């Protein structure tokens, strides 16, 4: 459905997009994920035709819409675009906003399509209201309906949930996903929220500094990250150091398998997610950690507890790590602990 090949763009003498290549399959929802300023929205604008790349090729539904010989204007690309601020027309009703993009349909055909979209986004009873009379979630559904009305081959969403209250975000996100999947709309969505990408995406394209770092399913990026940036972008990590010996790394908290071919003697970094640290009673004859571990603090987060762990002398530990444990964790200050490291949550990079 969508294919980008070696796209590059410079603005003001600065390279914004660097040899960007990825594809989106028909009917999939793909998330462009990355920190602010990494080029996500610029990539969306290139696909929509609002920015012209310096080089590379862009294909939509088998048609080349941008290369070194031609560039197809936005209105000929058959794309729907939902802007971050929704960009609704304040002087038009919900019905009129949705019908704005139906320039190729007239009379009964246009009216029938508008009513169909109103029903799909559950706004029939609000059809004659103006945007200022609607909640944030309702405004988002109007913008979505307007983007879907022309029945585009591809839908582009730019941070569509970022302006919603936290209490509304999950609900609107679920409703939007349901609508898109029900209609089978191929969708590319920009987000900086890794949890949102994990919840929604069939595939994730992770970006940094205008480049693709890694692409794959949410499970692939979370369980098989290719570099430290990918690991750290998906949440807090404990950073350990060590040297490889016989395929293992000895760290402050115990030994970790490298999971890859790294020569003995190589100094490596080990990143362990907080949920990858499992606490157990200390057996001083057979410790995994280099020294007994003790609890320095506990933050109760509702469904889990974030536990600060000190390695070293009690009161003045030389290393502090974090463990995320299910439920409400309670520990005695006098209790010495040891740690098991879950190999599926530990990642080694030379």
Foldseek 3Di string as FASTA:
>chain_A
DKWWAQFWADDPNHTQAGGATDGFDQLFEEEAAEDPSQCPVVVVCCLLQVDATPATWIDDPNHTQHHPPHHHHNVPQLEFEQDQVRPFDQVQFLLCRLLVPPPVDDDPVSVVLSCVLCVLLVNPVRRGPGPVVDDPLVSLSSSVSSRPSVPGQEYEYENSQVPDDPVCRVVSLVSVLVSSNVSSHGYYYYDHQLVSSLVRGQKYFYGGNNYTLDIDGNCCLDQPPPDPVSPPSNHDWDKWKAFDDPQWGQTQQAIAGQPDDDDGGDIKIKIFDQQQKDKDADDPVDARGPAWKFWPDWDDDPQWIKTWIAGDDPPDGPDIDIHIGGDDDDDDRVGTIHIDGRNSRMHMDD
